[in-house]
Structures are given as structure tokens and as C-alpha cells.
Amino acid sequence: MARQTTRATVLKARTLRKERSLPEVLLWRELRQSDLKFRQQHPIGRFVVDFYCPSAKTCFEIDGIAHDMGDRPERDGQRTTWLEAQGYKVVRIAARNVLASPAEVADALIRLCKGDS
């Protein structure tokens, strides 16, 4: 059974929208120009995903170097497992790829959401 999104998670999402990383800012500039609807720092259950496309039920996570440290890989794995069990597709993108070419990454995400190859 899916967990309800709590008020605390919604408030956390609002805060995270104000504290976005540079890769998130650059990617958002590109995604918001798409004809698809995307949401940034979107709460789902007890989690907040970096970007979400409702029409494709797909979550996008931008992973910087911090995602390789400590218990973060394990927590990211648990988060992905839970989201997928709820019927969401989860795509992880290296922050360095977004920094190198935000337009190319956005284009690939948009094509994925539209079901294009």
C-alpha cells in the first residue's frame, strides 16, 4: 500500500525548491520549455524527487558526488525500490552530465517521457 505524502514532505519539497543545486537549475531551465509537464522537487510518499513527469509517471534524480558517499548509495537504492514498487519509473542522471550539456540531457528525458527512442 502506498504511503500518503505528509505535510512535512510537502514542506521539505518547498524548501528544496529554494535550495536547488546548479545541475538542477540548469536542467529545470531546459525542461520547463518542453510541451510536457514536469515538476521539480516533487513529493511522493515520504520522498522528494528532483524532477517528475506525471504523464510518463517517471522520476528523475540528479546524482552528484555526495550520492557515492557513506550510506547514500544504500538509501538511494531503497528509495528507488520503493518508488518502483509504487509504479514509478526512476531514472538517475549524473550531475556532471547535466553540467556538461543540460540541453542534451533535457532532450533525452523529454524523448524518454514521450516514448521516443
N, C-alpha and C. Protein backbone atom coordinates (compact mmCIF):
# COMPACT_ATOMS: atom_id res chain seq x y z
N MET A 1 0.83 -1.18 0.00
CA MET A 1 0.00 0.00 0.00
C MET A 1 0.88 1.25 0.00
N ALA A 2 0.55 2.20 -0.84
CA ALA A 2 1.34 3.43 -0.95
C ALA A 2 1.15 4.29 0.29
N ARG A 3 2.23 4.89 0.72
CA ARG A 3 2.14 5.83 1.84
C ARG A 3 1.69 7.17 1.34
N GLN A 4 0.87 7.83 2.13
CA GLN A 4 0.41 9.17 1.79
C GLN A 4 1.57 10.15 1.93
N THR A 5 1.55 11.16 1.10
CA THR A 5 2.53 12.22 1.23
C THR A 5 2.13 13.08 2.43
N THR A 6 3.05 13.28 3.33
CA THR A 6 2.76 14.03 4.55
C THR A 6 2.99 15.53 4.34
N ARG A 7 2.43 16.30 5.22
CA ARG A 7 2.65 17.76 5.19
C ARG A 7 4.14 18.08 5.34
N ALA A 8 4.83 17.30 6.17
CA ALA A 8 6.27 17.53 6.37
C ALA A 8 7.03 17.32 5.06
N THR A 9 6.64 16.33 4.26
CA THR A 9 7.31 16.08 2.99
C THR A 9 7.02 17.21 2.00
N VAL A 10 5.80 17.71 2.00
CA VAL A 10 5.44 18.84 1.13
C VAL A 10 6.26 20.08 1.52
N LEU A 11 6.39 20.32 2.80
CA LEU A 11 7.19 21.47 3.27
C LEU A 11 8.66 21.30 2.91
N LYS A 12 9.15 20.07 3.02
CA LYS A 12 10.54 19.79 2.64
C LYS A 12 10.74 20.07 1.15
N ALA A 13 9.78 19.67 0.32
CA ALA A 13 9.86 19.92 -1.12
C ALA A 13 9.91 21.41 -1.41
N ARG A 14 9.10 22.18 -0.72
CA ARG A 14 9.10 23.64 -0.92
C ARG A 14 10.46 24.23 -0.58
N THR A 15 11.04 23.76 0.51
CA THR A 15 12.37 24.24 0.91
C THR A 15 13.41 23.86 -0.12
N LEU A 16 13.36 22.61 -0.59
CA LEU A 16 14.34 22.15 -1.58
C LEU A 16 14.25 22.91 -2.90
N ARG A 17 13.05 23.37 -3.26
CA ARG A 17 12.89 24.17 -4.48
C ARG A 17 13.67 25.48 -4.39
N LYS A 18 13.86 25.98 -3.18
CA LYS A 18 14.60 27.22 -2.99
C LYS A 18 16.11 26.99 -2.87
N GLU A 19 16.52 25.73 -2.71
CA GLU A 19 17.92 25.39 -2.47
C GLU A 19 18.45 24.42 -3.53
N ARG A 20 18.04 24.61 -4.76
CA ARG A 20 18.44 23.69 -5.82
C ARG A 20 19.92 23.79 -6.14
N SER A 21 20.48 22.68 -6.57
CA SER A 21 21.88 22.65 -7.00
C SER A 21 21.98 23.23 -8.41
N LEU A 22 23.18 23.59 -8.82
CA LEU A 22 23.38 24.15 -10.16
C LEU A 22 22.88 23.19 -11.25
N PRO A 23 23.20 21.89 -11.21
CA PRO A 23 22.66 20.99 -12.24
C PRO A 23 21.12 21.00 -12.28
N GLU A 24 20.48 21.08 -11.11
CA GLU A 24 19.02 21.12 -11.08
C GLU A 24 18.48 22.41 -11.70
N VAL A 25 19.12 23.52 -11.43
CA VAL A 25 18.71 24.81 -12.01
C VAL A 25 18.84 24.77 -13.53
N LEU A 26 19.99 24.28 -14.01
CA LEU A 26 20.23 24.24 -15.45
C LEU A 26 19.25 23.30 -16.16
N LEU A 27 19.01 22.16 -15.57
CA LEU A 27 18.08 21.20 -16.20
C LEU A 27 16.66 21.74 -16.17
N TRP A 28 16.26 22.37 -15.08
CA TRP A 28 14.91 22.93 -14.99
C TRP A 28 14.67 23.98 -16.07
N ARG A 29 15.66 24.81 -16.34
CA ARG A 29 15.54 25.82 -17.40
C ARG A 29 15.20 25.18 -18.74
N GLU A 30 15.76 24.02 -18.98
CA GLU A 30 15.51 23.32 -20.25
C GLU A 30 14.15 22.60 -20.22
N LEU A 31 13.87 21.90 -19.14
CA LEU A 31 12.64 21.10 -19.07
C LEU A 31 11.39 21.95 -19.11
N ARG A 32 11.43 23.12 -18.51
CA ARG A 32 10.22 23.95 -18.46
C ARG A 32 9.83 24.49 -19.83
N GLN A 33 10.74 24.39 -20.81
CA GLN A 33 10.43 24.83 -22.16
C GLN A 33 9.72 23.74 -22.98
N SER A 34 9.66 22.54 -22.42
CA SER A 34 9.05 21.41 -23.11
C SER A 34 7.52 21.55 -23.14
N ASP A 35 6.91 20.88 -24.10
CA ASP A 35 5.45 20.84 -24.14
C ASP A 35 4.90 19.82 -23.13
N LEU A 36 5.79 19.03 -22.53
CA LEU A 36 5.39 18.11 -21.47
C LEU A 36 5.40 18.84 -20.13
N LYS A 37 4.61 18.37 -19.21
CA LYS A 37 4.58 18.94 -17.86
C LYS A 37 5.62 18.22 -17.01
N PHE A 38 6.48 19.00 -16.38
CA PHE A 38 7.44 18.48 -15.42
C PHE A 38 7.26 19.21 -14.11
N ARG A 39 7.54 18.53 -13.03
CA ARG A 39 7.51 19.16 -11.70
C ARG A 39 8.91 19.03 -11.11
N GLN A 40 9.31 20.05 -10.37
CA GLN A 40 10.62 19.99 -9.71
C GLN A 40 10.42 19.81 -8.21
N GLN A 41 11.34 19.06 -7.59
CA GLN A 41 11.27 18.79 -6.15
C GLN A 41 9.86 18.37 -5.77
N HIS A 42 9.42 17.27 -6.36
CA HIS A 42 8.05 16.79 -6.21
C HIS A 42 7.95 15.72 -5.11
N PRO A 43 7.05 15.93 -4.12
CA PRO A 43 6.89 14.93 -3.05
C PRO A 43 6.09 13.72 -3.51
N ILE A 44 6.61 12.54 -3.16
CA ILE A 44 5.92 11.28 -3.41
C ILE A 44 6.12 10.43 -2.17
N GLY A 45 5.05 10.14 -1.46
CA GLY A 45 5.19 9.39 -0.21
C GLY A 45 6.06 10.18 0.76
N ARG A 46 7.08 9.54 1.30
CA ARG A 46 7.98 10.25 2.22
C ARG A 46 9.21 10.80 1.52
N PHE A 47 9.23 10.71 0.20
CA PHE A 47 10.39 11.15 -0.57
C PHE A 47 10.08 12.41 -1.38
N VAL A 48 11.14 13.11 -1.76
CA VAL A 48 11.03 14.24 -2.67
C VAL A 48 11.95 13.92 -3.84
N VAL A 49 11.39 13.81 -5.04
CA VAL A 49 12.21 13.52 -6.23
C VAL A 49 12.61 14.83 -6.89
N ASP A 50 13.78 14.82 -7.54
CA ASP A 50 14.29 16.06 -8.15
C ASP A 50 13.35 16.57 -9.24
N PHE A 51 12.96 15.69 -10.15
CA PHE A 51 12.04 16.05 -11.23
C PHE A 51 11.06 14.91 -11.45
N TYR A 52 9.86 15.27 -11.89
CA TYR A 52 8.82 14.27 -12.11
C TYR A 52 8.00 14.65 -13.33
N CYS A 53 7.74 13.66 -14.19
CA CYS A 53 6.88 13.85 -15.35
C CYS A 53 5.63 13.01 -15.11
N PRO A 54 4.49 13.67 -14.77
CA PRO A 54 3.27 12.91 -14.45
C PRO A 54 2.76 12.06 -15.61
N SER A 55 2.83 12.56 -16.83
CA SER A 55 2.26 11.80 -17.96
C SER A 55 3.01 10.50 -18.20
N ALA A 56 4.29 10.44 -17.85
CA ALA A 56 5.08 9.23 -18.02
C ALA A 56 5.29 8.49 -16.70
N LYS A 57 4.78 9.07 -15.60
CA LYS A 57 4.96 8.52 -14.26
C LYS A 57 6.43 8.15 -14.03
N THR A 58 7.29 9.14 -14.37
CA THR A 58 8.73 8.93 -14.31
C THR A 58 9.39 9.98 -13.42
N CYS A 59 10.26 9.51 -12.53
CA CYS A 59 11.01 10.38 -11.63
C CYS A 59 12.45 10.45 -12.13
N PHE A 60 13.03 11.63 -12.01
CA PHE A 60 14.42 11.83 -12.41
C PHE A 60 15.20 12.33 -11.21
N GLU A 61 16.31 11.68 -10.92
CA GLU A 61 17.17 12.04 -9.81
C GLU A 61 18.52 12.46 -10.35
N ILE A 62 18.98 13.64 -9.94
CA ILE A 62 20.29 14.14 -10.33
C ILE A 62 21.26 13.75 -9.22
N ASP A 63 22.24 12.94 -9.56
CA ASP A 63 23.17 12.41 -8.57
C ASP A 63 24.53 13.08 -8.68
N GLY A 64 24.87 13.85 -7.66
CA GLY A 64 26.20 14.43 -7.55
C GLY A 64 27.11 13.49 -6.79
N ILE A 65 28.30 13.95 -6.49
CA ILE A 65 29.29 13.12 -5.81
C ILE A 65 28.83 12.63 -4.44
N ALA A 66 28.00 13.40 -3.77
CA ALA A 66 27.51 13.00 -2.44
C ALA A 66 26.74 11.69 -2.48
N HIS A 67 26.19 11.34 -3.62
CA HIS A 67 25.42 10.10 -3.75
C HIS A 67 26.31 8.86 -3.74
N ASP A 68 27.64 9.06 -3.81
CA ASP A 68 28.58 7.93 -3.77
C ASP A 68 29.18 7.73 -2.38
N MET A 69 28.80 8.56 -1.42
CA MET A 69 29.46 8.55 -0.11
C MET A 69 28.58 7.96 1.00
N GLY A 70 29.26 7.40 1.99
CA GLY A 70 28.58 6.92 3.20
C GLY A 70 27.49 5.91 2.89
N ASP A 71 26.35 6.09 3.55
CA ASP A 71 25.23 5.17 3.35
C ASP A 71 24.31 5.63 2.23
N ARG A 72 24.71 6.68 1.53
CA ARG A 72 23.85 7.26 0.49
C ARG A 72 23.48 6.28 -0.63
N PRO A 73 24.45 5.47 -1.14
CA PRO A 73 24.06 4.50 -2.18
C PRO A 73 22.97 3.54 -1.71
N GLU A 74 23.07 3.09 -0.46
CA GLU A 74 22.06 2.18 0.08
C GLU A 74 20.71 2.87 0.21
N ARG A 75 20.72 4.10 0.72
CA ARG A 75 19.46 4.86 0.86
C ARG A 75 18.85 5.14 -0.51
N ASP A 76 19.68 5.50 -1.49
CA ASP A 76 19.17 5.74 -2.85
C ASP A 76 18.54 4.48 -3.42
N GLY A 77 19.17 3.33 -3.15
CA GLY A 77 18.64 2.06 -3.62
C GLY A 77 17.28 1.75 -3.00
N GLN A 78 17.15 1.99 -1.70
CA GLN A 78 15.87 1.76 -1.02
C GLN A 78 14.79 2.68 -1.55
N ARG A 79 15.17 3.91 -1.81
CA ARG A 79 14.23 4.91 -2.34
C ARG A 79 13.75 4.48 -3.73
N THR A 80 14.68 4.06 -4.58
CA THR A 80 14.34 3.61 -5.93
C THR A 80 13.43 2.39 -5.87
N THR A 81 13.77 1.44 -5.01
CA THR A 81 12.95 0.23 -4.86
C THR A 81 11.52 0.59 -4.44
N TRP A 82 11.38 1.49 -3.47
CA TRP A 82 10.05 1.88 -3.01
C TRP A 82 9.26 2.58 -4.12
N LEU A 83 9.91 3.53 -4.80
CA LEU A 83 9.22 4.26 -5.87
C LEU A 83 8.77 3.31 -6.99
N GLU A 84 9.65 2.38 -7.36
CA GLU A 84 9.29 1.42 -8.41
C GLU A 84 8.15 0.50 -7.97
N ALA A 85 8.13 0.15 -6.69
CA ALA A 85 7.04 -0.69 -6.17
C ALA A 85 5.70 0.05 -6.22
N GLN A 86 5.75 1.38 -6.23
CA GLN A 86 4.53 2.19 -6.32
C GLN A 86 4.13 2.42 -7.79
N GLY A 87 4.93 1.91 -8.73
CA GLY A 87 4.60 2.04 -10.15
C GLY A 87 5.31 3.17 -10.88
N TYR A 88 6.29 3.80 -10.23
CA TYR A 88 7.04 4.88 -10.87
C TYR A 88 8.29 4.31 -11.53
N LYS A 89 8.67 4.92 -12.63
CA LYS A 89 9.96 4.62 -13.25
C LYS A 89 10.94 5.63 -12.66
N VAL A 90 12.14 5.19 -12.33
CA VAL A 90 13.15 6.07 -11.74
C VAL A 90 14.37 6.08 -12.64
N VAL A 91 14.80 7.28 -13.03
CA VAL A 91 15.97 7.45 -13.87
C VAL A 91 16.98 8.31 -13.11
N ARG A 92 18.20 7.80 -12.97
CA ARG A 92 19.26 8.54 -12.29
C ARG A 92 20.22 9.11 -13.32
N ILE A 93 20.56 10.38 -13.11
CA ILE A 93 21.42 11.10 -14.05
C ILE A 93 22.58 11.69 -13.28
N ALA A 94 23.78 11.49 -13.77
CA ALA A 94 24.96 12.05 -13.13
C ALA A 94 24.95 13.57 -13.29
N ALA A 95 25.20 14.28 -12.20
CA ALA A 95 25.22 15.75 -12.24
C ALA A 95 26.23 16.26 -13.25
N ARG A 96 27.36 15.57 -13.39
CA ARG A 96 28.38 16.01 -14.35
C ARG A 96 27.85 16.01 -15.79
N ASN A 97 26.93 15.09 -16.10
CA ASN A 97 26.35 15.05 -17.45
C ASN A 97 25.46 16.27 -17.68
N VAL A 98 24.71 16.64 -16.65
CA VAL A 98 23.84 17.82 -16.76
C VAL A 98 24.70 19.07 -16.91
N LEU A 99 25.76 19.18 -16.12
CA LEU A 99 26.64 20.34 -16.20
C LEU A 99 27.30 20.45 -17.58
N ALA A 100 27.65 19.31 -18.16
CA ALA A 100 28.31 19.31 -19.47
C ALA A 100 27.37 19.73 -20.58
N SER A 101 26.10 19.31 -20.50
CA SER A 101 25.16 19.63 -21.57
C SER A 101 23.71 19.51 -21.10
N PRO A 102 23.23 20.54 -20.41
CA PRO A 102 21.85 20.46 -19.91
C PRO A 102 20.81 20.29 -21.01
N ALA A 103 21.03 20.90 -22.16
CA ALA A 103 20.05 20.78 -23.26
C ALA A 103 19.98 19.36 -23.78
N GLU A 104 21.13 18.70 -23.91
CA GLU A 104 21.13 17.31 -24.40
C GLU A 104 20.46 16.37 -23.40
N VAL A 105 20.74 16.56 -22.11
CA VAL A 105 20.12 15.73 -21.09
C VAL A 105 18.61 15.95 -21.09
N ALA A 106 18.19 17.20 -21.14
CA ALA A 106 16.75 17.51 -21.16
C ALA A 106 16.09 16.88 -22.38
N ASP A 107 16.72 16.98 -23.53
CA ASP A 107 16.17 16.41 -24.75
C ASP A 107 15.99 14.89 -24.60
N ALA A 108 16.98 14.22 -24.02
CA ALA A 108 16.88 12.78 -23.80
C ALA A 108 15.74 12.42 -22.84
N LEU A 109 15.58 13.23 -21.79
CA LEU A 109 14.50 12.98 -20.82
C LEU A 109 13.14 13.19 -21.45
N ILE A 110 13.02 14.23 -22.24
CA ILE A 110 11.75 14.51 -22.92
C ILE A 110 11.40 13.40 -23.89
N ARG A 111 12.38 12.94 -24.66
CA ARG A 111 12.14 11.83 -25.60
C ARG A 111 11.73 10.57 -24.83
N LEU A 112 12.39 10.31 -23.72
CA LEU A 112 12.03 9.14 -22.90
C LEU A 112 10.59 9.23 -22.42
N CYS A 113 10.19 10.39 -21.95
CA CYS A 113 8.82 10.56 -21.45
C CYS A 113 7.78 10.46 -22.55
N LYS A 114 8.14 10.87 -23.74
CA LYS A 114 7.21 10.78 -24.86
C LYS A 114 7.19 9.39 -25.48
N GLY A 115 8.14 8.55 -25.07
CA GLY A 115 8.20 7.19 -25.61
C GLY A 115 8.97 7.12 -26.91
N ASP A 116 9.69 8.19 -27.25
CA ASP A 116 10.53 8.19 -28.45
C ASP A 116 11.84 7.49 -28.11
N SER A 117 12.52 7.02 -29.15
CA SER A 117 13.78 6.34 -28.89
C SER A 117 14.94 7.26 -28.76
